[in-house]
């Protein structure tokens, strides 16, 4: 529902702060992008977890090259719900 709600707000000329997931699929993301392109509307997607200190430190170390060139990454979700 996020993409359709966001599109409705954009069509009303409203700036949008949306929560993840941004959309159901890439088609919806492209439609939102196409609509906003050339307007003065501002959009942002909430991903608050990346604002925590350990995430910021990891980004800093990667950007400074402390751990070398990244060739491959793996991610997982330890949650048993959802």
PDB file of N, CA and C in Angstrom:
ATOM      1  N   UNK A   1       0.815  -1.214   0.000  1.00  0.00           N
ATOM      2  CA  UNK A   1       0.000   0.000   0.000  1.00  0.00           C
ATOM      3  C   UNK A   1       0.852   1.269   0.000  1.00  0.00           C
ATOM      4  N   UNK A   2       2.129   1.178   0.378  1.00  0.00           N
ATOM      5  CA  UNK A   2       2.933   2.387   0.504  1.00  0.00           C
ATOM      6  C   UNK A   2       3.032   3.155  -0.805  1.00  0.00           C
ATOM      7  N   UNK A   3       3.275   2.467  -1.905  1.00  0.00           N
ATOM      8  CA  UNK A   3       3.448   3.153  -3.186  1.00  0.00           C
ATOM      9  C   UNK A   3       2.176   3.883  -3.609  1.00  0.00           C
ATOM     10  N   UNK A   4       1.037   3.257  -3.449  1.00  0.00           N
ATOM     11  CA  UNK A   4      -0.212   3.915  -3.868  1.00  0.00           C
ATOM     12  C   UNK A   4      -0.547   5.100  -2.966  1.00  0.00           C
ATOM     13  N   UNK A   5      -0.268   4.980  -1.683  1.00  0.00           N
ATOM     14  CA  UNK A   5      -0.497   6.100  -0.763  1.00  0.00           C
ATOM     15  C   UNK A   5       0.464   7.239  -1.083  1.00  0.00           C
ATOM     16  N   UNK A   6       1.738   6.894  -1.308  1.00  0.00           N
ATOM     17  CA  UNK A   6       2.728   7.910  -1.659  1.00  0.00           C
ATOM     18  C   UNK A   6       2.353   8.617  -2.960  1.00  0.00           C
ATOM     19  N   UNK A   7       1.930   7.860  -3.962  1.00  0.00           N
ATOM     20  CA  UNK A   7       1.556   8.458  -5.249  1.00  0.00           C
ATOM     21  C   UNK A   7       0.375   9.406  -5.074  1.00  0.00           C
ATOM     22  N   UNK A   8      -0.593   9.016  -4.272  1.00  0.00           N
ATOM     23  CA  UNK A   8      -1.744   9.901  -4.030  1.00  0.00           C
ATOM     24  C   UNK A   8      -1.300  11.219  -3.412  1.00  0.00           C
ATOM     25  N   UNK A   9      -0.396  11.146  -2.447  1.00  0.00           N
ATOM     26  CA  UNK A   9       0.099  12.367  -1.810  1.00  0.00           C
ATOM     27  C   UNK A   9       0.885  13.220  -2.806  1.00  0.00           C
ATOM     28  N   UNK A  10       1.727  12.583  -3.613  1.00  0.00           N
ATOM     29  CA  UNK A  10       2.506  13.317  -4.609  1.00  0.00           C
ATOM     30  C   UNK A  10       1.596  14.012  -5.619  1.00  0.00           C
ATOM     31  N   UNK A  11       0.549  13.329  -6.033  1.00  0.00           N
ATOM     32  CA  UNK A  11      -0.395  13.922  -6.986  1.00  0.00           C
ATOM     33  C   UNK A  11      -1.109  15.125  -6.397  1.00  0.00           C
ATOM     34  N   UNK A  12      -1.200  15.182  -5.074  1.00  0.00           N
ATOM     35  CA  UNK A  12      -1.792  16.337  -4.393  1.00  0.00           C
ATOM     36  C   UNK A  12      -0.750  17.429  -4.133  1.00  0.00           C
ATOM     37  N   UNK A  13       0.482  17.203  -4.609  1.00  0.00           N
ATOM     38  CA  UNK A  13       1.534  18.186  -4.430  1.00  0.00           C
ATOM     39  C   UNK A  13       2.197  18.151  -3.063  1.00  0.00           C
ATOM     40  N   UNK A  14       2.032  17.043  -2.365  1.00  0.00           N
ATOM     41  CA  UNK A  14       2.599  16.903  -1.020  1.00  0.00           C
ATOM     42  C   UNK A  14       3.974  16.259  -1.084  1.00  0.00           C
ATOM     43  N   UNK A  15       4.874  16.711  -0.232  1.00  0.00           N
ATOM     44  CA  UNK A  15       6.148  16.034  -0.051  1.00  0.00           C
ATOM     45  C   UNK A  15       5.860  14.735   0.690  1.00  0.00           C
ATOM     46  N   UNK A  16       6.711  13.713   0.491  1.00  0.00           N
ATOM     47  CA  UNK A  16       6.426  12.400   1.071  1.00  0.00           C
ATOM     48  C   UNK A  16       7.608  11.870   1.868  1.00  0.00           C
ATOM     49  N   UNK A  17       7.336  11.500   3.105  1.00  0.00           N
ATOM     50  CA  UNK A  17       8.269  10.713   3.906  1.00  0.00           C
ATOM     51  C   UNK A  17       7.606   9.357   4.053  1.00  0.00           C
ATOM     52  N   UNK A  18       8.116   8.364   3.344  1.00  0.00           N
ATOM     53  CA  UNK A  18       7.508   7.044   3.357  1.00  0.00           C
ATOM     54  C   UNK A  18       8.314   6.065   4.181  1.00  0.00           C
ATOM     55  N   UNK A  19       7.664   5.021   4.595  1.00  0.00           N
ATOM     56  CA  UNK A  19       8.320   3.968   5.363  1.00  0.00           C
ATOM     57  C   UNK A  19       8.572   2.778   4.463  1.00  0.00           C
ATOM     58  N   UNK A  20       9.607   2.025   4.740  1.00  0.00           N
ATOM     59  CA  UNK A  20       9.882   0.839   3.939  1.00  0.00           C
ATOM     60  C   UNK A  20       8.847  -0.226   4.244  1.00  0.00           C
ATOM     61  N   UNK A  21       8.510  -1.059   3.336  1.00  0.00           N
ATOM     62  CA  UNK A  21       9.026  -1.092   1.973  1.00  0.00           C
ATOM     63  C   UNK A  21       8.425   0.045   1.144  1.00  0.00           C
ATOM     64  N   UNK A  22       9.250   0.616   0.293  1.00  0.00           N
ATOM     65  CA  UNK A  22       8.817   1.727  -0.545  1.00  0.00           C
ATOM     66  C   UNK A  22       7.688   1.307  -1.472  1.00  0.00           C
ATOM     67  N   UNK A  23       7.815   0.110  -2.044  1.00  0.00           N
ATOM     68  CA  UNK A  23       6.831  -0.356  -3.019  1.00  0.00           C
ATOM     69  C   UNK A  23       6.822  -1.879  -3.057  1.00  0.00           C
ATOM     70  N   UNK A  24       5.844  -2.403  -3.767  1.00  0.00           N
ATOM     71  CA  UNK A  24       5.712  -3.852  -3.912  1.00  0.00           C
ATOM     72  C   UNK A  24       6.714  -4.405  -4.921  1.00  0.00           C
ATOM     73  N   UNK A  25       6.992  -3.621  -5.946  1.00  0.00           N
ATOM     74  CA  UNK A  25       7.908  -4.097  -6.987  1.00  0.00           C
ATOM     75  C   UNK A  25       8.588  -2.912  -7.674  1.00  0.00           C
ATOM     76  N   UNK A  26       9.516  -3.214  -8.549  1.00  0.00           N
ATOM     77  CA  UNK A  26      10.291  -2.190  -9.238  1.00  0.00           C
ATOM     78  C   UNK A  26       9.418  -1.297 -10.121  1.00  0.00           C
ATOM     79  N   UNK A  27       8.365  -1.841 -10.695  1.00  0.00           N
ATOM     80  CA  UNK A  27       7.457  -1.049 -11.526  1.00  0.00           C
ATOM     81  C   UNK A  27       6.890   0.129 -10.725  1.00  0.00           C
ATOM     82  N   UNK A  28       6.446  -0.152  -9.490  1.00  0.00           N
ATOM     83  CA  UNK A  28       5.884   0.912  -8.659  1.00  0.00           C
ATOM     84  C   UNK A  28       6.947   1.960  -8.312  1.00  0.00           C
ATOM     85  N   UNK A  29       8.157   1.515  -8.043  1.00  0.00           N
ATOM     86  CA  UNK A  29       9.242   2.448  -7.742  1.00  0.00           C
ATOM     87  C   UNK A  29       9.516   3.346  -8.939  1.00  0.00           C
ATOM     88  N   UNK A  30       9.549   2.764 -10.119  1.00  0.00           N
ATOM     89  CA  UNK A  30       9.796   3.559 -11.334  1.00  0.00           C
ATOM     90  C   UNK A  30       8.692   4.572 -11.577  1.00  0.00           C
ATOM     91  N   UNK A  31       7.445   4.188 -11.328  1.00  0.00           N
ATOM     92  CA  UNK A  31       6.326   5.119 -11.508  1.00  0.00           C
ATOM     93  C   UNK A  31       6.443   6.302 -10.545  1.00  0.00           C
ATOM     94  N   UNK A  32       6.806   6.043  -9.298  1.00  0.00           N
ATOM     95  CA  UNK A  32       6.997   7.127  -8.339  1.00  0.00           C
ATOM     96  C   UNK A  32       8.141   8.036  -8.790  1.00  0.00           C
ATOM     97  N   UNK A  33       9.231   7.433  -9.238  1.00  0.00           N
ATOM     98  CA  UNK A  33      10.394   8.199  -9.694  1.00  0.00           C
ATOM     99  C   UNK A  33      10.038   9.056 -10.896  1.00  0.00           C
ATOM    100  N   UNK A  34       9.338   8.483 -11.862  1.00  0.00           N
ATOM    101  CA  UNK A  34       8.944   9.227 -13.059  1.00  0.00           C
ATOM    102  C   UNK A  34       8.036  10.394 -12.702  1.00  0.00           C
ATOM    103  N   UNK A  35       7.125  10.168 -11.764  1.00  0.00           N
ATOM    104  CA  UNK A  35       6.196  11.233 -11.391  1.00  0.00           C
ATOM    105  C   UNK A  35       6.932  12.398 -10.744  1.00  0.00           C
ATOM    106  N   UNK A  36       7.874  12.124  -9.873  1.00  0.00           N
ATOM    107  CA  UNK A  36       8.576  13.168  -9.122  1.00  0.00           C
ATOM    108  C   UNK A  36       9.601  13.896  -9.983  1.00  0.00           C
ATOM    109  N   UNK A  37      10.166  13.215 -10.976  1.00  0.00           N
ATOM    110  CA  UNK A  37      11.199  13.818 -11.814  1.00  0.00           C
ATOM    111  C   UNK A  37      10.677  15.099 -12.457  1.00  0.00           C
ATOM    112  N   UNK A  38      11.437  16.160 -12.294  1.00  0.00           N
ATOM    113  CA  UNK A  38      11.047  17.436 -12.886  1.00  0.00           C
ATOM    114  C   UNK A  38      10.143  18.277 -11.998  1.00  0.00           C
ATOM    115  N   UNK A  39       9.747  17.755 -10.854  1.00  0.00           N
ATOM    116  CA  UNK A  39       8.953  18.537  -9.903  1.00  0.00           C
ATOM    117  C   UNK A  39       9.866  19.045  -8.809  1.00  0.00           C
ATOM    118  N   UNK A  40       9.330  19.831  -7.928  1.00  0.00           N
ATOM    119  CA  UNK A  40      10.093  20.296  -6.767  1.00  0.00           C
ATOM    120  C   UNK A  40       9.679  19.526  -5.514  1.00  0.00           C
ATOM    121  N   UNK A  41       9.017  18.401  -5.713  1.00  0.00           N
ATOM    122  CA  UNK A  41       8.581  17.599  -4.577  1.00  0.00           C
ATOM    123  C   UNK A  41       9.767  16.863  -3.963  1.00  0.00           C
ATOM    124  N   UNK A  42       9.756  16.748  -2.659  1.00  0.00           N
ATOM    125  CA  UNK A  42      10.818  16.071  -1.926  1.00  0.00           C
ATOM    126  C   UNK A  42      10.271  14.767  -1.372  1.00  0.00           C
ATOM    127  N   UNK A  43      11.044  13.694  -1.564  1.00  0.00           N
ATOM    128  CA  UNK A  43      10.650  12.398  -1.014  1.00  0.00           C
ATOM    129  C   UNK A  43      11.798  11.832  -0.187  1.00  0.00           C
ATOM    130  N   UNK A  44      11.440  11.025   0.786  1.00  0.00           N
ATOM    131  CA  UNK A  44      12.433  10.338   1.603  1.00  0.00           C
ATOM    132  C   UNK A  44      11.815   9.042   2.104  1.00  0.00           C
ATOM    133  N   UNK A  45      12.627   7.996   2.166  1.00  0.00           N
ATOM    134  CA  UNK A  45      12.154   6.728   2.696  1.00  0.00           C
ATOM    135  C   UNK A  45      12.810   6.499   4.052  1.00  0.00           C
ATOM    136  N   UNK A  46      12.003   6.147   5.033  1.00  0.00           N
ATOM    137  CA  UNK A  46      12.510   5.907   6.377  1.00  0.00           C
ATOM    138  C   UNK A  46      13.217   4.570   6.507  1.00  0.00           C
ATOM    139  N   UNK A  47      14.433   4.629   6.974  1.00  0.00           N
ATOM    140  CA  UNK A  47      15.212   3.423   7.266  1.00  0.00           C
ATOM    141  C   UNK A  47      15.998   3.703   8.540  1.00  0.00           C
ATOM    142  N   UNK A  48      15.276   3.929   9.621  1.00  0.00           N
ATOM    143  CA  UNK A  48      15.866   4.426  10.851  1.00  0.00           C
ATOM    144  C   UNK A  48      16.992   3.558  11.394  1.00  0.00           C
ATOM    145  N   UNK A  49      16.945   2.267  11.195  1.00  0.00           N
ATOM    146  CA  UNK A  49      17.963   1.404  11.793  1.00  0.00           C
ATOM    147  C   UNK A  49      19.363   1.786  11.330  1.00  0.00           C
ATOM    148  N   UNK A  50      19.487   2.312  10.115  1.00  0.00           N
ATOM    149  CA  UNK A  50      20.801   2.681   9.613  1.00  0.00           C
ATOM    150  C   UNK A  50      21.352   3.942  10.270  1.00  0.00           C
ATOM    151  N   UNK A  51      20.582   4.590  11.115  1.00  0.00           N
ATOM    152  CA  UNK A  51      21.056   5.786  11.805  1.00  0.00           C
ATOM    153  C   UNK A  51      21.729   5.448  13.138  1.00  0.00           C
ATOM    154  N   UNK A  52      21.735   4.175  13.528  1.00  0.00           N
ATOM    155  CA  UNK A  52      22.345   3.803  14.804  1.00  0.00           C
ATOM    156  C   UNK A  52      23.872   3.833  14.693  1.00  0.00           C
ATOM    157  N   UNK A  53      24.528   3.945  15.833  1.00  0.00           N
ATOM    158  CA  UNK A  53      25.980   4.124  15.854  1.00  0.00           C
ATOM    159  C   UNK A  53      26.751   2.994  15.189  1.00  0.00           C
ATOM    160  N   UNK A  54      26.368   1.729  15.416  1.00  0.00           N
ATOM    161  CA  UNK A  54      27.157   0.642  14.834  1.00  0.00           C
ATOM    162  C   UNK A  54      27.026   0.589  13.313  1.00  0.00           C
ATOM    163  N   UNK A  55      25.889   0.948  12.770  1.00  0.00           N
ATOM    164  CA  UNK A  55      25.756   1.028  11.311  1.00  0.00           C
ATOM    165  C   UNK A  55      26.603   2.172  10.757  1.00  0.00           C
ATOM    166  N   UNK A  56      26.560   3.313  11.428  1.00  0.00           N
ATOM    167  CA  UNK A  56      27.348   4.469  10.978  1.00  0.00           C
ATOM    168  C   UNK A  56      28.845   4.169  11.029  1.00  0.00           C
ATOM    169  N   UNK A  57      29.277   3.471  12.068  1.00  0.00           N
ATOM    170  CA  UNK A  57      30.690   3.112  12.180  1.00  0.00           C
ATOM    171  C   UNK A  57      31.095   2.173  11.052  1.00  0.00           C
ATOM    172  N   UNK A  58      30.252   1.201  10.729  1.00  0.00           N
ATOM    173  CA  UNK A  58      30.544   0.272   9.635  1.00  0.00           C
ATOM    174  C   UNK A  58      30.679   1.028   8.313  1.00  0.00           C
ATOM    175  N   UNK A  59      29.779   1.950   8.038  1.00  0.00           N
ATOM    176  CA  UNK A  59      29.847   2.752   6.811  1.00  0.00           C
ATOM    177  C   UNK A  59      31.138   3.563   6.792  1.00  0.00           C
ATOM    178  N   UNK A  60      31.466   4.165   7.912  1.00  0.00           N
ATOM    179  CA  UNK A  60      32.692   4.961   7.999  1.00  0.00           C
ATOM    180  C   UNK A  60      33.919   4.103   7.682  1.00  0.00           C
ATOM    181  N   UNK A  61      34.002   2.921   8.276  1.00  0.00           N
ATOM    182  CA  UNK A  61      35.154   2.046   8.049  1.00  0.00           C
ATOM    183  C   UNK A  61      35.248   1.606   6.593  1.00  0.00           C
ATOM    184  N   UNK A  62      34.110   1.308   5.997  1.00  0.00           N
ATOM    185  CA  UNK A  62      34.100   0.891   4.586  1.00  0.00           C
ATOM    186  C   UNK A  62      34.529   2.045   3.686  1.00  0.00           C
ATOM    187  N   UNK A  63      33.964   3.226   3.921  1.00  0.00           N
ATOM    188  CA  UNK A  63      34.289   4.376   3.081  1.00  0.00           C
ATOM    189  C   UNK A  63      35.748   4.808   3.210  1.00  0.00           C
ATOM    190  N   UNK A  64      36.346   4.619   4.355  1.00  0.00           N
ATOM    191  CA  UNK A  64      37.746   4.977   4.573  1.00  0.00           C
ATOM    192  C   UNK A  64      38.698   3.887   4.089  1.00  0.00           C
ATOM    193  N   UNK A  65      38.162   2.743   3.653  1.00  0.00           N
ATOM    194  CA  UNK A  65      39.002   1.668   3.137  1.00  0.00           C
ATOM    195  C   UNK A  65      39.695   0.859   4.212  1.00  0.00           C
ATOM    196  N   UNK A  66      39.264   0.984   5.449  1.00  0.00           N
ATOM    197  CA  UNK A  66      39.911   0.300   6.567  1.00  0.00           C
ATOM    198  C   UNK A  66      39.899  -1.217   6.385  1.00  0.00           C
ATOM    199  N   UNK A  67      38.823  -1.753   5.835  1.00  0.00           N
ATOM    200  CA  UNK A  67      38.735  -3.210   5.684  1.00  0.00           C
ATOM    201  C   UNK A  67      39.067  -3.667   4.266  1.00  0.00           C
ATOM    202  N   UNK A  68      39.547  -2.759   3.432  1.00  0.00           N
ATOM    203  CA  UNK A  68      39.911  -3.120   2.064  1.00  0.00           C
ATOM    204  C   UNK A  68      38.733  -3.019   1.111  1.00  0.00           C
ATOM    205  N   UNK A  69      38.958  -3.446  -0.119  1.00  0.00           N
ATOM    206  CA  UNK A  69      37.930  -3.379  -1.148  1.00  0.00           C
ATOM    207  C   UNK A  69      36.885  -4.473  -0.906  1.00  0.00           C
ATOM    208  N   UNK A  70      35.620  -4.087  -0.952  1.00  0.00           N
ATOM    209  CA  UNK A  70      34.525  -5.035  -0.757  1.00  0.00           C
ATOM    210  C   UNK A  70      34.268  -5.753  -2.075  1.00  0.00           C
ATOM    211  N   UNK A  71      34.342  -7.064  -2.069  1.00  0.00           N
ATOM    212  CA  UNK A  71      34.097  -7.860  -3.268  1.00  0.00           C
ATOM    213  C   UNK A  71      32.774  -8.605  -3.189  1.00  0.00           C
ATOM    214  N   UNK A  72      32.312  -8.884  -1.982  1.00  0.00           N
ATOM    215  CA  UNK A  72      31.090  -9.670  -1.812  1.00  0.00           C
ATOM    216  C   UNK A  72      30.529  -9.397  -0.423  1.00  0.00           C
ATOM    217  N   UNK A  73      29.225  -9.357  -0.330  1.00  0.00           N
ATOM    218  CA  UNK A  73      28.578  -9.193   0.979  1.00  0.00           C
ATOM    219  C   UNK A  73      27.515 -10.252   1.160  1.00  0.00           C
ATOM    220  N   UNK A  74      27.232 -10.558   2.395  1.00  0.00           N
ATOM    221  CA  UNK A  74      26.166 -11.492   2.744  1.00  0.00           C
ATOM    222  C   UNK A  74      25.305 -10.827   3.813  1.00  0.00           C
ATOM    223  N   UNK A  75      24.027 -11.027   3.759  1.00  0.00           N
ATOM    224  CA  UNK A  75      23.152 -10.476   4.796  1.00  0.00           C
ATOM    225  C   UNK A  75      22.154 -11.546   5.211  1.00  0.00           C
ATOM    226  N   UNK A  76      21.637 -11.387   6.383  1.00  0.00           N
ATOM    227  CA  UNK A  76      20.669 -12.332   6.912  1.00  0.00           C
ATOM    228  C   UNK A  76      19.755 -11.591   7.886  1.00  0.00           C
ATOM    229  N   UNK A  77      18.681 -12.231   8.223  1.00  0.00           N
ATOM    230  CA  UNK A  77      17.734 -11.689   9.194  1.00  0.00           C
ATOM    231  C   UNK A  77      17.455 -12.772  10.229  1.00  0.00           C
ATOM    232  N   UNK A  78      17.899 -12.577  11.465  1.00  0.00           N
ATOM    233  CA  UNK A  78      17.727 -13.602  12.470  1.00  0.00           C
ATOM    234  C   UNK A  78      16.317 -13.687  13.064  1.00  0.00           C
ATOM    235  N   UNK A  79      15.420 -12.849  12.599  1.00  0.00           N
ATOM    236  CA  UNK A  79      14.059 -12.839  13.149  1.00  0.00           C
ATOM    237  C   UNK A  79      13.292 -14.068  12.717  1.00  0.00           C
ATOM    238  N   UNK A  80      12.441 -14.553  13.577  1.00  0.00           N
ATOM    239  CA  UNK A  80      11.646 -15.746  13.245  1.00  0.00           C
ATOM    240  C   UNK A  80      10.186 -15.382  12.967  1.00  0.00           C
ATOM    241  N   UNK A  81       9.893 -14.090  12.840  1.00  0.00           N
ATOM    242  CA  UNK A  81       8.522 -13.650  12.566  1.00  0.00           C
ATOM    243  C   UNK A  81       8.482 -12.884  11.254  1.00  0.00           C
ATOM    244  N   UNK A  82       7.296 -12.694  10.745  1.00  0.00           N
ATOM    245  CA  UNK A  82       7.120 -11.856   9.552  1.00  0.00           C
ATOM    246  C   UNK A  82       7.470 -12.512   8.252  1.00  0.00           C
TER     247      UNK A  82
END
